[in-house]
């Protein structure tokens, strides 16, 4: 009897939901999770590659670079 009472109370609540409402559901969550994982892996790879880059110029390379530039007036 309590199940019947619960169903009679839930039926009006179900009718209040908009039947034209579209939600992403499980597929939307899976696509979002895959994209988030791909972005995380790309950021991890970029961090690893940026760690290999040397931003400091050697003194010899800096001296030859200045000689190649035209004099400023």
C-alpha atoms as a PDB file:
ATOM      1  CA  UNK A   1       0.000   0.000   0.000  1.00  0.00           C
ATOM      2  CA  UNK A   2       2.871   2.402   0.684  1.00  0.00           C
ATOM      3  CA  UNK A   3       4.225   1.813  -2.845  1.00  0.00           C
ATOM      4  CA  UNK A   4       0.873   2.794  -4.291  1.00  0.00           C
ATOM      5  CA  UNK A   5       0.830   5.931  -2.140  1.00  0.00           C
ATOM      6  CA  UNK A   6       4.356   6.835  -3.254  1.00  0.00           C
ATOM      7  CA  UNK A   7       3.444   6.383  -6.923  1.00  0.00           C
ATOM      8  CA  UNK A   8       0.376   8.559  -6.599  1.00  0.00           C
ATOM      9  CA  UNK A   9       2.543  11.315  -5.140  1.00  0.00           C
ATOM     10  CA  UNK A  10       5.269  10.975  -7.811  1.00  0.00           C
ATOM     11  CA  UNK A  11       2.965  10.995 -10.843  1.00  0.00           C
ATOM     12  CA  UNK A  12       2.071  14.702 -10.514  1.00  0.00           C
ATOM     13  CA  UNK A  13       5.773  15.521 -10.124  1.00  0.00           C
ATOM     14  CA  UNK A  14       6.570  13.645 -13.333  1.00  0.00           C
ATOM     15  CA  UNK A  15       3.939  15.613 -15.238  1.00  0.00           C
ATOM     16  CA  UNK A  16       5.571  18.871 -14.158  1.00  0.00           C
ATOM     17  CA  UNK A  17       8.783  17.963 -16.014  1.00  0.00           C
ATOM     18  CA  UNK A  18       9.116  19.533 -19.429  1.00  0.00           C
ATOM     19  CA  UNK A  19       8.802  16.799 -22.051  1.00  0.00           C
ATOM     20  CA  UNK A  20      10.672  18.920 -24.611  1.00  0.00           C
ATOM     21  CA  UNK A  21      13.700  19.378 -22.371  1.00  0.00           C
ATOM     22  CA  UNK A  22      16.875  17.839 -23.761  1.00  0.00           C
ATOM     23  CA  UNK A  23      19.719  16.800 -21.453  1.00  0.00           C
ATOM     24  CA  UNK A  24      23.208  15.596 -22.408  1.00  0.00           C
ATOM     25  CA  UNK A  25      22.855  12.350 -20.478  1.00  0.00           C
ATOM     26  CA  UNK A  26      25.503   9.681 -20.157  1.00  0.00           C
ATOM     27  CA  UNK A  27      26.855  10.116 -23.684  1.00  0.00           C
ATOM     28  CA  UNK A  28      27.472  13.808 -23.049  1.00  0.00           C
ATOM     29  CA  UNK A  29      29.325  13.009 -19.848  1.00  0.00           C
ATOM     30  CA  UNK A  30      31.476  10.392 -21.589  1.00  0.00           C
ATOM     31  CA  UNK A  31      32.379  12.799 -24.415  1.00  0.00           C
ATOM     32  CA  UNK A  32      33.211  15.533 -21.895  1.00  0.00           C
ATOM     33  CA  UNK A  33      35.355  13.152 -19.826  1.00  0.00           C
ATOM     34  CA  UNK A  34      37.274  11.979 -22.918  1.00  0.00           C
ATOM     35  CA  UNK A  35      37.903  15.558 -24.016  1.00  0.00           C
ATOM     36  CA  UNK A  36      39.044  16.545 -20.521  1.00  0.00           C
ATOM     37  CA  UNK A  37      41.424  13.568 -20.461  1.00  0.00           C
ATOM     38  CA  UNK A  38      42.811  14.518 -23.876  1.00  0.00           C
ATOM     39  CA  UNK A  39      43.420  18.110 -22.768  1.00  0.00           C
ATOM     40  CA  UNK A  40      45.150  16.869 -19.613  1.00  0.00           C
ATOM     41  CA  UNK A  41      47.440  14.580 -21.644  1.00  0.00           C
ATOM     42  CA  UNK A  42      48.231  17.402 -24.114  1.00  0.00           C
ATOM     43  CA  UNK A  43      49.110  19.768 -21.258  1.00  0.00           C
ATOM     44  CA  UNK A  44      51.327  17.107 -19.698  1.00  0.00           C
ATOM     45  CA  UNK A  45      53.102  16.556 -23.039  1.00  0.00           C
ATOM     46  CA  UNK A  46      53.519  20.303 -23.600  1.00  0.00           C
ATOM     47  CA  UNK A  47      55.007  20.707 -20.124  1.00  0.00           C
ATOM     48  CA  UNK A  48      57.502  17.932 -20.846  1.00  0.00           C
ATOM     49  CA  UNK A  49      58.511  19.479 -24.196  1.00  0.00           C
ATOM     50  CA  UNK A  50      58.801  22.983 -22.741  1.00  0.00           C
ATOM     51  CA  UNK A  51      61.115  21.593 -20.064  1.00  0.00           C
ATOM     52  CA  UNK A  52      63.535  20.494 -22.795  1.00  0.00           C
ATOM     53  CA  UNK A  53      63.782  23.996 -24.314  1.00  0.00           C
ATOM     54  CA  UNK A  54      66.726  26.154 -23.274  1.00  0.00           C
ATOM     55  CA  UNK A  55      65.773  29.833 -23.191  1.00  0.00           C
ATOM     56  CA  UNK A  56      69.258  31.140 -22.402  1.00  0.00           C
ATOM     57  CA  UNK A  57      71.457  32.191 -25.305  1.00  0.00           C
ATOM     58  CA  UNK A  58      75.095  31.226 -25.304  1.00  0.00           C
ATOM     59  CA  UNK A  59      77.539  34.188 -25.283  1.00  0.00           C
ATOM     60  CA  UNK A  60      78.955  33.222 -28.691  1.00  0.00           C
ATOM     61  CA  UNK A  61      75.516  33.151 -30.298  1.00  0.00           C
ATOM     62  CA  UNK A  62      74.591  36.487 -28.728  1.00  0.00           C
ATOM     63  CA  UNK A  63      77.775  38.129 -30.093  1.00  0.00           C
ATOM     64  CA  UNK A  64      77.227  36.943 -33.661  1.00  0.00           C
ATOM     65  CA  UNK A  65      73.608  38.020 -33.545  1.00  0.00           C
ATOM     66  CA  UNK A  66      74.559  41.592 -32.674  1.00  0.00           C
ATOM     67  CA  UNK A  67      77.038  41.778 -35.561  1.00  0.00           C
ATOM     68  CA  UNK A  68      74.394  40.765 -38.088  1.00  0.00           C
ATOM     69  CA  UNK A  69      71.957  43.507 -37.116  1.00  0.00           C
ATOM     70  CA  UNK A  70      72.324  46.840 -38.963  1.00  0.00           C
ATOM     71  CA  UNK A  71      73.470  49.818 -36.879  1.00  0.00           C
ATOM     72  CA  UNK A  72      70.725  51.940 -35.432  1.00  0.00           C
ATOM     73  CA  UNK A  73      70.673  55.642 -36.255  1.00  0.00           C
END
